[in-house]
PDB file of N, CA and C in Angstrom:
ATOM      1  N   MET A   1    -130.494  92.396 -55.760  1.00  0.00           N
ATOM      2  CA  MET A   1    -130.691  90.971 -55.552  1.00  0.00           C
ATOM      3  C   MET A   1    -131.820  90.461 -56.455  1.00  0.00           C
ATOM      4  N   ALA A   2    -131.667  89.243 -56.878  1.00  0.00           N
ATOM      5  CA  ALA A   2    -132.650  88.645 -57.784  1.00  0.00           C
ATOM      6  C   ALA A   2    -134.010  88.500 -57.122  1.00  0.00           C
ATOM      7  N   ALA A   3    -134.022  88.102 -55.847  1.00  0.00           N
ATOM      8  CA  ALA A   3    -135.300  87.902 -55.154  1.00  0.00           C
ATOM      9  C   ALA A   3    -136.080  89.207 -55.040  1.00  0.00           C
ATOM     10  N   GLU A   4    -135.382  90.300 -54.761  1.00  0.00           N
ATOM     11  CA  GLU A   4    -136.058  91.595 -54.657  1.00  0.00           C
ATOM     12  C   GLU A   4    -136.627  92.023 -56.001  1.00  0.00           C
ATOM     13  N   GLY A   5    -135.859  91.784 -57.063  1.00  0.00           N
ATOM     14  CA  GLY A   5    -136.339  92.123 -58.403  1.00  0.00           C
ATOM     15  C   GLY A   5    -137.552  91.310 -58.794  1.00  0.00           C
ATOM     16  N   ALA A   6    -137.525  90.023 -58.455  1.00  0.00           N
ATOM     17  CA  ALA A   6    -138.660  89.157 -58.774  1.00  0.00           C
ATOM     18  C   ALA A   6    -139.902  89.593 -58.005  1.00  0.00           C
ATOM     19  N   LEU A   7    -139.717  89.959 -56.735  1.00  0.00           N
ATOM     20  CA  LEU A   7    -140.855  90.401 -55.928  1.00  0.00           C
ATOM     21  C   LEU A   7    -141.418  91.718 -56.459  1.00  0.00           C
ATOM     22  N   ALA A   8    -140.535  92.613 -56.888  1.00  0.00           N
ATOM     23  CA  ALA A   8    -140.993  93.882 -57.465  1.00  0.00           C
ATOM     24  C   ALA A   8    -141.780  93.644 -58.752  1.00  0.00           C
ATOM     25  N   THR A   9    -141.314  92.700 -59.570  1.00  0.00           N
ATOM     26  CA  THR A   9    -142.028  92.359 -60.799  1.00  0.00           C
ATOM     27  C   THR A   9    -143.398  91.777 -60.484  1.00  0.00           C
ATOM     28  N   LEU A  10    -143.436  90.867 -59.503  1.00  0.00           N
ATOM     29  CA  LEU A  10    -144.714  90.274 -59.101  1.00  0.00           C
ATOM     30  C   LEU A  10    -145.662  91.353 -58.598  1.00  0.00           C
ATOM     31  N   LYS A  11    -145.149  92.260 -57.766  1.00  0.00           N
ATOM     32  CA  LYS A  11    -146.002  93.323 -57.223  1.00  0.00           C
ATOM     33  C   LYS A  11    -146.550  94.206 -58.342  1.00  0.00           C
ATOM     34  N   SER A  12    -145.740  94.487 -59.366  1.00  0.00           N
ATOM     35  CA  SER A  12    -146.243  95.316 -60.468  1.00  0.00           C
ATOM     36  C   SER A  12    -147.337  94.588 -61.244  1.00  0.00           C
ATOM     37  N   ARG A  13    -147.217  93.276 -61.368  1.00  0.00           N
ATOM     38  CA  ARG A  13    -148.254  92.503 -62.064  1.00  0.00           C
ATOM     39  C   ARG A  13    -149.524  92.419 -61.230  1.00  0.00           C
ATOM     40  N   VAL A  14    -149.378  92.277 -59.926  1.00  0.00           N
ATOM     41  CA  VAL A  14    -150.552  92.254 -59.049  1.00  0.00           C
ATOM     42  C   VAL A  14    -151.215  93.627 -59.051  1.00  0.00           C
ATOM     43  N   THR A  15    -150.416  94.670 -59.157  1.00  0.00           N
ATOM     44  CA  THR A  15    -150.974  96.022 -59.243  1.00  0.00           C
ATOM     45  C   THR A  15    -151.885  96.153 -60.459  1.00  0.00           C
ATOM     46  N   ARG A  16    -151.519  95.495 -61.552  1.00  0.00           N
ATOM     47  CA  ARG A  16    -152.385  95.516 -62.743  1.00  0.00           C
ATOM     48  C   ARG A  16    -153.729  94.854 -62.450  1.00  0.00           C
ATOM     49  N   LEU A  17    -153.714  93.770 -61.656  1.00  0.00           N
ATOM     50  CA  LEU A  17    -154.988  93.148 -61.254  1.00  0.00           C
ATOM     51  C   LEU A  17    -155.814  94.122 -60.424  1.00  0.00           C
ATOM     52  N   ASP A  18    -155.140  94.840 -59.532  1.00  0.00           N
ATOM     53  CA  ASP A  18    -155.836  95.825 -58.700  1.00  0.00           C
ATOM     54  C   ASP A  18    -156.419  96.936 -59.569  1.00  0.00           C
ATOM     55  N   ASP A  19    -155.643  97.411 -60.529  1.00  0.00           N
ATOM     56  CA  ASP A  19    -156.120  98.464 -61.428  1.00  0.00           C
ATOM     57  C   ASP A  19    -157.360  98.022 -62.202  1.00  0.00           C
ATOM     58  N   ALA A  20    -157.456  96.721 -62.465  1.00  0.00           N
ATOM     59  CA  ALA A  20    -158.614  96.176 -63.185  1.00  0.00           C
ATOM     60  C   ALA A  20    -159.765  95.826 -62.241  1.00  0.00           C
ATOM     61  N   GLY A  21    -159.592  96.106 -60.940  1.00  0.00           N
ATOM     62  CA  GLY A  21    -160.651  95.838 -59.967  1.00  0.00           C
ATOM     63  C   GLY A  21    -160.804  94.375 -59.605  1.00  0.00           C
ATOM     64  N   LEU A  22    -159.731  93.585 -59.747  1.00  0.00           N
ATOM     65  CA  LEU A  22    -159.832  92.143 -59.541  1.00  0.00           C
ATOM     66  C   LEU A  22    -159.313  91.641 -58.195  1.00  0.00           C
ATOM     67  N   LEU A  23    -158.940  92.536 -57.286  1.00  0.00           N
ATOM     68  CA  LEU A  23    -158.435  92.078 -55.984  1.00  0.00           C
ATOM     69  C   LEU A  23    -159.505  92.072 -54.896  1.00  0.00           C
ATOM     70  N   ARG A  24    -160.596  92.668 -55.151  1.00  0.00           N
ATOM     71  CA  ARG A  24    -161.791  92.669 -54.310  1.00  0.00           C
ATOM     72  C   ARG A  24    -161.533  92.516 -52.812  1.00  0.00           C
ATOM     73  N   GLY A  25    -161.206  93.596 -52.168  1.00  0.00           N
ATOM     74  CA  GLY A  25    -161.054  93.581 -50.720  1.00  0.00           C
ATOM     75  C   GLY A  25    -159.651  93.263 -50.235  1.00  0.00           C
ATOM     76  N   ARG A  26    -158.726  93.052 -51.134  1.00  0.00           N
ATOM     77  CA  ARG A  26    -157.335  92.796 -50.751  1.00  0.00           C
ATOM     78  C   ARG A  26    -156.492  93.983 -51.180  1.00  0.00           C
ATOM     79  N   THR A  27    -155.435  94.227 -50.432  1.00  0.00           N
ATOM     80  CA  THR A  27    -154.469  95.222 -50.873  1.00  0.00           C
ATOM     81  C   THR A  27    -153.507  94.552 -51.847  1.00  0.00           C
ATOM     82  N   VAL A  28    -152.764  95.354 -52.576  1.00  0.00           N
ATOM     83  CA  VAL A  28    -151.742  94.818 -53.473  1.00  0.00           C
ATOM     84  C   VAL A  28    -150.730  94.014 -52.661  1.00  0.00           C
ATOM     85  N   ASP A  29    -150.349  94.521 -51.491  1.00  0.00           N
ATOM     86  CA  ASP A  29    -149.387  93.800 -50.650  1.00  0.00           C
ATOM     87  C   ASP A  29    -149.930  92.443 -50.208  1.00  0.00           C
ATOM     88  N   GLU A  30    -151.202  92.389 -49.816  1.00  0.00           N
ATOM     89  CA  GLU A  30    -151.799  91.116 -49.397  1.00  0.00           C
ATOM     90  C   GLU A  30    -151.815  90.109 -50.549  1.00  0.00           C
ATOM     91  N   ALA A  31    -152.277  90.557 -51.705  1.00  0.00           N
ATOM     92  CA  ALA A  31    -152.367  89.658 -52.852  1.00  0.00           C
ATOM     93  C   ALA A  31    -150.979  89.220 -53.314  1.00  0.00           C
ATOM     94  N   THR A  32    -150.007  90.120 -53.241  1.00  0.00           N
ATOM     95  CA  THR A  32    -148.634  89.763 -53.611  1.00  0.00           C
ATOM     96  C   THR A  32    -148.102  88.690 -52.675  1.00  0.00           C
ATOM     97  N   LEU A  33    -148.329  88.851 -51.388  1.00  0.00           N
ATOM     98  CA  LEU A  33    -147.868  87.866 -50.407  1.00  0.00           C
ATOM     99  C   LEU A  33    -148.546  86.516 -50.637  1.00  0.00           C
ATOM    100  N   GLU A  34    -149.848  86.521 -50.912  1.00  0.00           N
ATOM    101  CA  GLU A  34    -150.570  85.277 -51.163  1.00  0.00           C
ATOM    102  C   GLU A  34    -150.035  84.576 -52.415  1.00  0.00           C
ATOM    103  N   PHE A  35    -149.784  85.341 -53.464  1.00  0.00           N
ATOM    104  CA  PHE A  35    -149.284  84.756 -54.706  1.00  0.00           C
ATOM    105  C   PHE A  35    -147.860  84.234 -54.516  1.00  0.00           C
ATOM    106  N   ASP A  36    -147.038  84.986 -53.785  1.00  0.00           N
ATOM    107  CA  ASP A  36    -145.670  84.560 -53.501  1.00  0.00           C
ATOM    108  C   ASP A  36    -145.670  83.258 -52.706  1.00  0.00           C
ATOM    109  N   ALA A  37    -146.557  83.143 -51.735  1.00  0.00           N
ATOM    110  CA  ALA A  37    -146.653  81.913 -50.936  1.00  0.00           C
ATOM    111  C   ALA A  37    -147.058  80.727 -51.813  1.00  0.00           C
ATOM    112  N   LEU A  38    -147.988  80.948 -52.728  1.00  0.00           N
ATOM    113  CA  LEU A  38    -148.382  79.892 -53.662  1.00  0.00           C
ATOM    114  C   LEU A  38    -147.177  79.419 -54.470  1.00  0.00           C
ATOM    115  N   CYS A  39    -146.410  80.360 -54.995  1.00  0.00           N
ATOM    116  CA  CYS A  39    -145.237  80.002 -55.807  1.00  0.00           C
ATOM    117  C   CYS A  39    -144.202  79.243 -54.992  1.00  0.00           C
ATOM    118  N   GLU A  40    -143.928  79.700 -53.782  1.00  0.00           N
ATOM    119  CA  GLU A  40    -142.941  79.012 -52.950  1.00  0.00           C
ATOM    120  C   GLU A  40    -143.398  77.600 -52.612  1.00  0.00           C
ATOM    121  N   GLY A  41    -144.680  77.445 -52.324  1.00  0.00           N
ATOM    122  CA  GLY A  41    -145.207  76.115 -52.028  1.00  0.00           C
ATOM    123  C   GLY A  41    -145.139  75.178 -53.224  1.00  0.00           C
ATOM    124  N   LEU A  42    -145.507  75.675 -54.390  1.00  0.00           N
ATOM    125  CA  LEU A  42    -145.435  74.848 -55.596  1.00  0.00           C
ATOM    126  C   LEU A  42    -143.994  74.456 -55.914  1.00  0.00           C
ATOM    127  N   ALA A  43    -143.081  75.395 -55.759  1.00  0.00           N
ATOM    128  CA  ALA A  43    -141.671  75.096 -56.033  1.00  0.00           C
ATOM    129  C   ALA A  43    -141.155  74.016 -55.085  1.00  0.00           C
ATOM    130  N   ALA A  44    -141.518  74.105 -53.815  1.00  0.00           N
ATOM    131  CA  ALA A  44    -141.089  73.090 -52.848  1.00  0.00           C
ATOM    132  C   ALA A  44    -141.662  71.723 -53.201  1.00  0.00           C
ATOM    133  N   LEU A  45    -142.925  71.691 -53.570  1.00  0.00           N
ATOM    134  CA  LEU A  45    -143.542  70.416 -53.955  1.00  0.00           C
ATOM    135  C   LEU A  45    -142.901  69.835 -55.205  1.00  0.00           C
ATOM    136  N   GLU A  46    -142.630  70.685 -56.173  1.00  0.00           N
ATOM    137  CA  GLU A  46    -142.023  70.201 -57.414  1.00  0.00           C
ATOM    138  C   GLU A  46    -140.639  69.606 -57.146  1.00  0.00           C
ATOM    139  N   LEU A  47    -139.875  70.239 -56.264  1.00  0.00           N
ATOM    140  CA  LEU A  47    -138.528  69.743 -55.953  1.00  0.00           C
ATOM    141  C   LEU A  47    -138.538  68.376 -55.281  1.00  0.00           C
ATOM    142  N   ARG A  48    -139.552  68.112 -54.487  1.00  0.00           N
ATOM    143  CA  ARG A  48    -139.579  66.826 -53.781  1.00  0.00           C
ATOM    144  C   ARG A  48    -140.601  65.841 -54.360  1.00  0.00           C
ATOM    145  N   ASP A  49    -141.030  66.092 -55.586  1.00  0.00           N
ATOM    146  CA  ASP A  49    -142.005  65.223 -56.249  1.00  0.00           C
ATOM    147  C   ASP A  49    -141.463  63.798 -56.343  1.00  0.00           C
ATOM    148  N   PRO A  50    -142.143  62.836 -55.724  1.00  0.00           N
ATOM    149  CA  PRO A  50    -141.668  61.454 -55.780  1.00  0.00           C
ATOM    150  C   PRO A  50    -141.908  60.798 -57.149  1.00  0.00           C
ATOM    151  N   ASN A  51    -142.679  61.436 -57.993  1.00  0.00           N
ATOM    152  CA  ASN A  51    -142.978  60.899 -59.320  1.00  0.00           C
ATOM    153  C   ASN A  51    -142.499  61.875 -60.393  1.00  0.00           C
ATOM    154  N   PRO A  52    -141.198  61.960 -60.597  1.00  0.00           N
ATOM    155  CA  PRO A  52    -140.702  62.894 -61.610  1.00  0.00           C
ATOM    156  C   PRO A  52    -141.370  62.632 -62.966  1.00  0.00           C
ATOM    157  N   GLY A  53    -141.482  63.669 -63.721  1.00  0.00           N
ATOM    158  CA  GLY A  53    -142.110  63.529 -65.030  1.00  0.00           C
ATOM    159  C   GLY A  53    -143.555  63.983 -65.025  1.00  0.00           C
ATOM    160  N   GLY A  54    -144.055  64.385 -63.836  1.00  0.00           N
ATOM    161  CA  GLY A  54    -145.416  64.910 -63.777  1.00  0.00           C
ATOM    162  C   GLY A  54    -145.503  66.198 -64.576  1.00  0.00           C
ATOM    163  N   ASN A  55    -146.670  66.566 -64.973  1.00  0.00           N
ATOM    164  CA  ASN A  55    -146.858  67.755 -65.790  1.00  0.00           C
ATOM    165  C   ASN A  55    -146.905  68.997 -64.902  1.00  0.00           C
ATOM    166  N   TRP A  56    -145.726  69.421 -64.472  1.00  0.00           N
ATOM    167  CA  TRP A  56    -145.664  70.565 -63.566  1.00  0.00           C
ATOM    168  C   TRP A  56    -146.046  71.867 -64.248  1.00  0.00           C
ATOM    169  N   GLU A  57    -145.779  72.003 -65.512  1.00  0.00           N
ATOM    170  CA  GLU A  57    -146.183  73.225 -66.205  1.00  0.00           C
ATOM    171  C   GLU A  57    -147.696  73.405 -66.131  1.00  0.00           C
ATOM    172  N   GLN A  58    -148.435  72.315 -66.332  1.00  0.00           N
ATOM    173  CA  GLN A  58    -149.892  72.375 -66.256  1.00  0.00           C
ATOM    174  C   GLN A  58    -150.336  72.640 -64.816  1.00  0.00           C
ATOM    175  N   ARG A  59    -149.673  72.036 -63.841  1.00  0.00           N
ATOM    176  CA  ARG A  59    -150.023  72.260 -62.431  1.00  0.00           C
ATOM    177  C   ARG A  59    -149.826  73.716 -62.041  1.00  0.00           C
ATOM    178  N   TRP A  60    -148.694  74.295 -62.466  1.00  0.00           N
ATOM    179  CA  TRP A  60    -148.439  75.706 -62.167  1.00  0.00           C
ATOM    180  C   TRP A  60    -149.498  76.589 -62.827  1.00  0.00           C
ATOM    181  N   ALA A  61    -149.795  76.344 -64.089  1.00  0.00           N
ATOM    182  CA  ALA A  61    -150.780  77.164 -64.804  1.00  0.00           C
ATOM    183  C   ALA A  61    -152.149  77.070 -64.147  1.00  0.00           C
ATOM    184  N   SER A  62    -152.533  75.874 -63.742  1.00  0.00           N
ATOM    185  CA  SER A  62    -153.822  75.679 -63.082  1.00  0.00           C
ATOM    186  C   SER A  62    -153.865  76.407 -61.736  1.00  0.00           C
ATOM    187  N   ALA A  63    -152.785  76.303 -60.987  1.00  0.00           N
ATOM    188  CA  ALA A  63    -152.736  76.980 -59.685  1.00  0.00           C
ATOM    189  C   ALA A  63    -152.801  78.497 -59.844  1.00  0.00           C
ATOM    190  N   PHE A  64    -152.077  79.033 -60.841  1.00  0.00           N
ATOM    191  CA  PHE A  64    -152.109  80.475 -61.080  1.00  0.00           C
ATOM    192  C   PHE A  64    -153.512  80.934 -61.464  1.00  0.00           C
ATOM    193  N   ALA A  65    -154.152  80.186 -62.357  1.00  0.00           N
ATOM    194  CA  ALA A  65    -155.497  80.551 -62.796  1.00  0.00           C
ATOM    195  C   ALA A  65    -156.475  80.518 -61.625  1.00  0.00           C
ATOM    196  N   THR A  66    -156.345  79.511 -60.773  1.00  0.00           N
ATOM    197  CA  THR A  66    -157.214  79.402 -59.604  1.00  0.00           C
ATOM    198  C   THR A  66    -156.973  80.547 -58.633  1.00  0.00           C
ATOM    199  N   GLN A  67    -155.700  80.897 -58.413  1.00  0.00           N
ATOM    200  CA  GLN A  67    -155.363  81.999 -57.502  1.00  0.00           C
ATOM    201  C   GLN A  67    -155.953  83.310 -58.000  1.00  0.00           C
ATOM    202  N   VAL A  68    -155.746  83.607 -59.280  1.00  0.00           N
ATOM    203  CA  VAL A  68    -156.246  84.868 -59.826  1.00  0.00           C
ATOM    204  C   VAL A  68    -157.776  84.904 -59.773  1.00  0.00           C
ATOM    205  N   ALA A  69    -158.423  83.784 -60.092  1.00  0.00           N
ATOM    206  CA  ALA A  69    -159.885  83.728 -60.003  1.00  0.00           C
ATOM    207  C   ALA A  69    -160.338  83.918 -58.563  1.00  0.00           C
ATOM    208  N   GLY A  70    -159.589  83.382 -57.625  1.00  0.00           N
ATOM    209  CA  GLY A  70    -159.932  83.523 -56.212  1.00  0.00           C
ATOM    210  C   GLY A  70    -159.832  84.956 -55.714  1.00  0.00           C
ATOM    211  N   PHE A  71    -158.969  85.745 -56.324  1.00  0.00           N
ATOM    212  CA  PHE A  71    -158.862  87.146 -55.927  1.00  0.00           C
ATOM    213  C   PHE A  71    -160.178  87.885 -56.158  1.00  0.00           C
ATOM    214  N   ALA A  72    -161.000  87.409 -57.066  1.00  0.00           N
ATOM    215  CA  ALA A  72    -162.272  88.065 -57.368  1.00  0.00           C
ATOM    216  C   ALA A  72    -163.309  87.835 -56.271  1.00  0.00           C
ATOM    217  N   ALA A  73    -163.048  86.860 -55.396  1.00  0.00           N
ATOM    218  CA  ALA A  73    -163.957  86.585 -54.274  1.00  0.00           C
ATOM    219  C   ALA A  73    -163.567  87.440 -53.078  1.00  0.00           C
ATOM    220  N   GLU A  74    -164.553  87.778 -52.263  1.00  0.00           N
ATOM    221  CA  GLU A  74    -164.256  88.520 -51.034  1.00  0.00           C
ATOM    222  C   GLU A  74    -163.339  87.680 -50.147  1.00  0.00           C
ATOM    223  N   PRO A  75    -162.334  88.296 -49.510  1.00  0.00           N
ATOM    224  CA  PRO A  75    -161.485  87.531 -48.596  1.00  0.00           C
ATOM    225  C   PRO A  75    -162.280  87.101 -47.371  1.00  0.00           C
ATOM    226  N   SER A  76    -161.793  86.082 -46.701  1.00  0.00           N
ATOM    227  CA  SER A  76    -162.444  85.578 -45.489  1.00  0.00           C
ATOM    228  C   SER A  76    -162.533  86.674 -44.440  1.00  0.00           C
ATOM    229  N   GLU A  77    -163.544  86.571 -43.589  1.00  0.00           N
ATOM    230  CA  GLU A  77    -163.739  87.553 -42.523  1.00  0.00           C
ATOM    231  C   GLU A  77    -162.495  87.735 -41.671  1.00  0.00           C
ATOM    232  N   GLY A  78    -161.846  86.631 -41.331  1.00  0.00           N
ATOM    233  CA  GLY A  78    -160.718  86.685 -40.410  1.00  0.00           C
ATOM    234  C   GLY A  78    -159.379  86.938 -41.067  1.00  0.00           C
ATOM    235  N   LEU A  79    -159.366  87.357 -42.340  1.00  0.00           N
ATOM    236  CA  LEU A  79    -158.100  87.579 -43.023  1.00  0.00           C
ATOM    237  C   LEU A  79    -157.326  88.693 -42.349  1.00  0.00           C
ATOM    238  N   ALA A  80    -156.147  88.354 -41.855  1.00  0.00           N
ATOM    239  CA  ALA A  80    -155.294  89.359 -41.221  1.00  0.00           C
ATOM    240  C   ALA A  80    -154.670  90.229 -42.307  1.00  0.00           C
ATOM    241  N   ARG A  81    -154.590  91.506 -42.051  1.00  0.00           N
ATOM    242  CA  ARG A  81    -153.970  92.418 -42.999  1.00  0.00           C
ATOM    243  C   ARG A  81    -152.462  92.277 -42.870  1.00  0.00           C
ATOM    244  N   VAL A  82    -151.812  92.059 -43.990  1.00  0.00           N
ATOM    245  CA  VAL A  82    -150.363  91.856 -43.985  1.00  0.00           C
ATOM    246  C   VAL A  82    -149.717  92.710 -45.055  1.00  0.00           C
ATOM    247  N   SER A  83    -148.411  92.882 -44.923  1.00  0.00           N
ATOM    248  CA  SER A  83    -147.632  93.580 -45.934  1.00  0.00           C
ATOM    249  C   SER A  83    -146.812  92.570 -46.696  1.00  0.00           C
ATOM    250  N   ALA A  84    -146.387  92.942 -47.881  1.00  0.00           N
ATOM    251  CA  ALA A  84    -145.523  92.061 -48.661  1.00  0.00           C
ATOM    252  C   ALA A  84    -144.218  91.861 -47.912  1.00  0.00           C
ATOM    253  N   PRO A  85    -143.530  90.745 -48.172  1.00  0.00           N
ATOM    254  CA  PRO A  85    -142.265  90.497 -47.483  1.00  0.00           C
ATOM    255  C   PRO A  85    -141.295  91.647 -47.685  1.00  0.00           C
ATOM    256  N   GLY A  86    -140.500  91.918 -46.663  1.00  0.00           N
ATOM    257  CA  GLY A  86    -139.487  92.961 -46.744  1.00  0.00           C
ATOM    258  C   GLY A  86    -138.220  92.440 -47.389  1.00  0.00           C
ATOM    259  N   ARG A  87    -137.183  93.202 -47.316  1.00  0.00           N
ATOM    260  CA  ARG A  87    -135.911  92.827 -47.932  1.00  0.00           C
ATOM    261  C   ARG A  87    -135.362  91.524 -47.381  1.00  0.00           C
ATOM    262  N   SER A  88    -135.653  91.230 -46.131  1.00  0.00           N
ATOM    263  CA  SER A  88    -135.130  89.999 -45.519  1.00  0.00           C
ATOM    264  C   SER A  88    -135.916  88.778 -45.962  1.00  0.00           C
ATOM    265  N   GLY A  89    -137.036  88.982 -46.648  1.00  0.00           N
ATOM    266  CA  GLY A  89    -137.868  87.863 -47.043  1.00  0.00           C
ATOM    267  C   GLY A  89    -138.901  87.514 -45.989  1.00  0.00           C
ATOM    268  N   GLU A  90    -138.820  88.185 -44.861  1.00  0.00           N
ATOM    269  CA  GLU A  90    -139.788  87.948 -43.788  1.00  0.00           C
ATOM    270  C   GLU A  90    -141.045  88.747 -44.066  1.00  0.00           C
ATOM    271  N   PRO A  91    -142.186  88.272 -43.563  1.00  0.00           N
ATOM    272  CA  PRO A  91    -143.412  89.047 -43.750  1.00  0.00           C
ATOM    273  C   PRO A  91    -143.263  90.434 -43.141  1.00  0.00           C
ATOM    274  N   GLY A  92    -143.933  91.379 -43.734  1.00  0.00           N
ATOM    275  CA  GLY A  92    -143.896  92.741 -43.220  1.00  0.00           C
ATOM    276  C   GLY A  92    -144.741  92.858 -41.969  1.00  0.00           C
ATOM    277  N   PRO A  93    -144.817  94.043 -41.401  1.00  0.00           N
ATOM    278  CA  PRO A  93    -145.591  94.234 -40.167  1.00  0.00           C
ATOM    279  C   PRO A  93    -147.067  93.989 -40.386  1.00  0.00           C
ATOM    280  N   ARG A  94    -147.737  93.542 -39.359  1.00  0.00           N
ATOM    281  CA  ARG A  94    -149.174  93.295 -39.410  1.00  0.00           C
ATOM    282  C   ARG A  94    -149.897  94.439 -38.794  1.00  0.00           C
TER     283      ARG A  94
END
């Protein structure tokens, strides 16, 4: 399935961030889930944008840069440990 392949690709890229020491207190699964949620949210917003013609490429790039920079910060105290979504697309066990 395309969604599984895309998630595997994302996880491999997040693993590279982890290898570089840039996830600071997050697991690869946690960071993958956070990044996936960002992408799904941006896609939903772009689809229902009431002002078509906005610079979505720049918005996506800015959001990605902010997300990756945020990984360098310690996660919040109350961050629940999660797993990346399973085959069904549902969050994994907590």
